[in-house]
C-alpha atoms as a PDB file:
ATOM      1  CA  MET A   1      -0.841  68.685 -34.557  1.00  0.00           C
ATOM      2  CA  GLN A   2       0.216  70.969 -31.787  1.00  0.00           C
ATOM      3  CA  VAL A   3       2.342  69.874 -28.791  1.00  0.00           C
ATOM      4  CA  PHE A   4       1.138  70.828 -25.242  1.00  0.00           C
ATOM      5  CA  PHE A   5       2.823  70.260 -21.915  1.00  0.00           C
ATOM      6  CA  SER A   6       0.853  69.086 -18.858  1.00  0.00           C
ATOM      7  CA  ASP A   7       1.478  70.683 -15.544  1.00  0.00           C
ATOM      8  CA  GLN A   8       3.457  67.599 -14.547  1.00  0.00           C
ATOM      9  CA  ALA A   9       5.696  67.962 -17.596  1.00  0.00           C
ATOM     10  CA  PHE A  10       6.361  71.640 -16.747  1.00  0.00           C
ATOM     11  CA  LEU A  11       7.218  70.624 -13.187  1.00  0.00           C
ATOM     12  CA  ASP A  12       9.528  67.897 -14.572  1.00  0.00           C
ATOM     13  CA  MET A  13      11.299  70.344 -16.849  1.00  0.00           C
ATOM     14  CA  GLU A  14      11.727  72.777 -14.010  1.00  0.00           C
ATOM     15  CA  GLY A  15      13.244  69.963 -11.957  1.00  0.00           C
ATOM     16  CA  VAL A  16      15.639  69.142 -14.722  1.00  0.00           C
ATOM     17  CA  ARG A  17      16.766  72.739 -14.935  1.00  0.00           C
ATOM     18  CA  GLU A  18      17.115  73.066 -11.216  1.00  0.00           C
ATOM     19  CA  TYR A  19      19.206  69.819 -11.086  1.00  0.00           C
ATOM     20  CA  PHE A  20      21.614  70.902 -13.765  1.00  0.00           C
ATOM     21  CA  ASP A  21      21.852  74.462 -12.439  1.00  0.00           C
ATOM     22  CA  GLU A  22      23.190  72.818  -9.303  1.00  0.00           C
ATOM     23  CA  VAL A  23      25.480  70.027 -10.664  1.00  0.00           C
ATOM     24  CA  ALA A  24      26.540  71.417 -14.022  1.00  0.00           C
ATOM     25  CA  PRO A  25      25.306  74.934 -14.768  1.00  0.00           C
ATOM     26  CA  HIS A  26      27.297  75.223 -17.883  1.00  0.00           C
ATOM     27  CA  LYS A  27      25.183  72.301 -19.276  1.00  0.00           C
ATOM     28  CA  THR A  28      21.738  73.388 -18.123  1.00  0.00           C
ATOM     29  CA  ASP A  29      20.633  75.184 -21.311  1.00  0.00           C
ATOM     30  CA  GLU A  30      22.023  72.552 -23.644  1.00  0.00           C
ATOM     31  CA  ILE A  31      20.213  69.742 -21.731  1.00  0.00           C
ATOM     32  CA  VAL A  32      16.912  71.637 -21.486  1.00  0.00           C
ATOM     33  CA  LEU A  33      17.057  72.648 -25.097  1.00  0.00           C
ATOM     34  CA  SER A  34      17.827  69.174 -26.312  1.00  0.00           C
ATOM     35  CA  ILE A  35      14.705  67.928 -24.645  1.00  0.00           C
ATOM     36  CA  VAL A  36      12.498  70.643 -26.089  1.00  0.00           C
ATOM     37  CA  ASP A  37      13.876  70.267 -29.509  1.00  0.00           C
ATOM     38  CA  ARG A  38      13.196  66.524 -29.360  1.00  0.00           C
ATOM     39  CA  VAL A  39       9.566  67.230 -28.165  1.00  0.00           C
ATOM     40  CA  PHE A  40       8.804  69.485 -31.052  1.00  0.00           C
ATOM     41  CA  LEU A  41       9.742  66.912 -33.596  1.00  0.00           C
ATOM     42  CA  LEU A  42       6.482  65.244 -32.599  1.00  0.00           C
ATOM     43  CA  GLU A  43       4.534  68.006 -34.391  1.00  0.00           C
ATOM     44  CA  GLU A  44       5.661  66.378 -37.708  1.00  0.00           C
ATOM     45  CA  TYR A  45       6.233  62.860 -36.554  1.00  0.00           C
ATOM     46  CA  PRO A  46       3.788  62.034 -33.728  1.00  0.00           C
ATOM     47  CA  LEU A  47       4.104  58.317 -34.093  1.00  0.00           C
ATOM     48  CA  SER A  48       7.858  58.379 -33.929  1.00  0.00           C
ATOM     49  CA  GLY A  49       8.088  57.287 -30.362  1.00  0.00           C
ATOM     50  CA  PRO A  50       7.284  53.623 -29.449  1.00  0.00           C
ATOM     51  CA  GLU A  51       4.544  52.723 -27.032  1.00  0.00           C
ATOM     52  CA  GLU A  52       5.709  52.945 -23.425  1.00  0.00           C
ATOM     53  CA  PRO A  53       5.559  49.232 -22.398  1.00  0.00           C
ATOM     54  CA  PHE A  54       5.370  49.704 -18.600  1.00  0.00           C
ATOM     55  CA  LEU A  55       2.459  52.159 -18.861  1.00  0.00           C
ATOM     56  CA  LYS A  56       0.804  49.937 -21.575  1.00  0.00           C
ATOM     57  CA  SER A  57       0.894  47.003 -19.109  1.00  0.00           C
ATOM     58  CA  ILE A  58      -1.342  48.930 -16.732  1.00  0.00           C
ATOM     59  CA  GLY A  59      -3.794  50.123 -19.551  1.00  0.00           C
ATOM     60  CA  LEU A  60      -2.339  53.504 -20.351  1.00  0.00           C
ATOM     61  CA  ASP A  61      -1.796  54.317 -24.018  1.00  0.00           C
ATOM     62  CA  ARG A  62       1.370  56.432 -24.015  1.00  0.00           C
ATOM     63  CA  ARG A  63       4.387  56.695 -26.291  1.00  0.00           C
ATOM     64  CA  PHE A  64       7.771  57.916 -25.436  1.00  0.00           C
ATOM     65  CA  LEU A  65      10.990  59.546 -26.877  1.00  0.00           C
ATOM     66  CA  VAL A  66      14.363  59.297 -25.271  1.00  0.00           C
ATOM     67  CA  GLU A  67      16.661  62.321 -24.794  1.00  0.00           C
ATOM     68  CA  GLY A  68      19.753  61.576 -22.776  1.00  0.00           C
ATOM     69  CA  ASN A  69      18.570  60.034 -19.519  1.00  0.00           C
ATOM     70  CA  TYR A  70      15.038  61.232 -19.939  1.00  0.00           C
ATOM     71  CA  LYS A  71      11.874  59.582 -21.186  1.00  0.00           C
ATOM     72  CA  ILE A  72       9.498  62.116 -22.818  1.00  0.00           C
ATOM     73  CA  ILE A  73       6.052  60.472 -22.158  1.00  0.00           C
ATOM     74  CA  TYR A  74       3.270  61.651 -24.366  1.00  0.00           C
ATOM     75  CA  ARG A  75      -0.201  60.746 -25.563  1.00  0.00           C
ATOM     76  CA  ILE A  76      -1.816  61.461 -28.855  1.00  0.00           C
ATOM     77  CA  GLU A  77      -5.403  62.729 -29.176  1.00  0.00           C
ATOM     78  CA  ASP A  78      -6.391  65.593 -31.437  1.00  0.00           C
ATOM     79  CA  ASN A  79      -3.018  67.085 -30.393  1.00  0.00           C
ATOM     80  CA  ILE A  80       0.137  65.848 -28.683  1.00  0.00           C
ATOM     81  CA  TYR A  81       0.196  66.011 -24.913  1.00  0.00           C
ATOM     82  CA  ILE A  82       3.502  65.663 -23.136  1.00  0.00           C
ATOM     83  CA  THR A  83       2.437  64.084 -19.732  1.00  0.00           C
ATOM     84  CA  GLN A  84       5.874  63.892 -18.130  1.00  0.00           C
ATOM     85  CA  VAL A  85       9.534  64.158 -18.615  1.00  0.00           C
ATOM     86  CA  PHE A  86      10.784  61.234 -16.659  1.00  0.00           C
ATOM     87  CA  ASP A  87      14.354  60.519 -15.537  1.00  0.00           C
ATOM     88  CA  ALA A  88      14.752  56.924 -16.737  1.00  0.00           C
ATOM     89  CA  ARG A  89      17.255  56.145 -13.837  1.00  0.00           C
ATOM     90  CA  GLN A  90      14.249  56.346 -11.359  1.00  0.00           C
ATOM     91  CA  ASP A  91      11.879  53.625 -10.314  1.00  0.00           C
ATOM     92  CA  PRO A  92       9.256  53.152 -13.053  1.00  0.00           C
ATOM     93  CA  LEU A  93       6.602  53.084 -10.396  1.00  0.00           C
ATOM     94  CA  LYS A  94       7.074  56.851 -10.102  1.00  0.00           C
ATOM     95  CA  MET A  95       6.167  57.163 -13.774  1.00  0.00           C
ATOM     96  CA  VAL A  96       2.745  55.464 -12.939  1.00  0.00           C
ATOM     97  CA  ASP A  97       2.177  57.847 -10.065  1.00  0.00           C
ATOM     98  CA  ASN A  98       2.863  60.813 -12.232  1.00  0.00           C
ATOM     99  CA  GLU A  99       0.368  59.565 -14.847  1.00  0.00           C
ATOM    100  CA  ASN A 100      -2.273  58.924 -12.265  1.00  0.00           C
ATOM    101  CA  ALA A 101      -1.889  62.499 -11.010  1.00  0.00           C
ATOM    102  CA  GLN A 102      -2.807  63.862 -14.379  1.00  0.00           C
ATOM    103  CA  PRO A 103      -6.217  65.547 -14.780  1.00  0.00           C
ATOM    104  CA  ILE A 104      -8.448  63.775 -17.264  1.00  0.00           C
END
């Protein structure tokens, strides 16, 4: 399986980079690379992340991995699609809004 990032996931990663560039520039690359490294483990172990319970409760079949304060939300079809990289310190309703903004 291959891993693909949605537009939302790219925006989220850009936001992570911008945030750390501002508050801890010496940590930016380390944080971003740790998220990316975690994502690409999914190529070999796509079922390694548990189901995302909040999204499942509204009928969305998503899984997640945790890296630091971030939830890497993904779905499995013929490939793996990273739908968002969500800062878990935020209101989980934002996670729903991000999923609903995804193209089908």
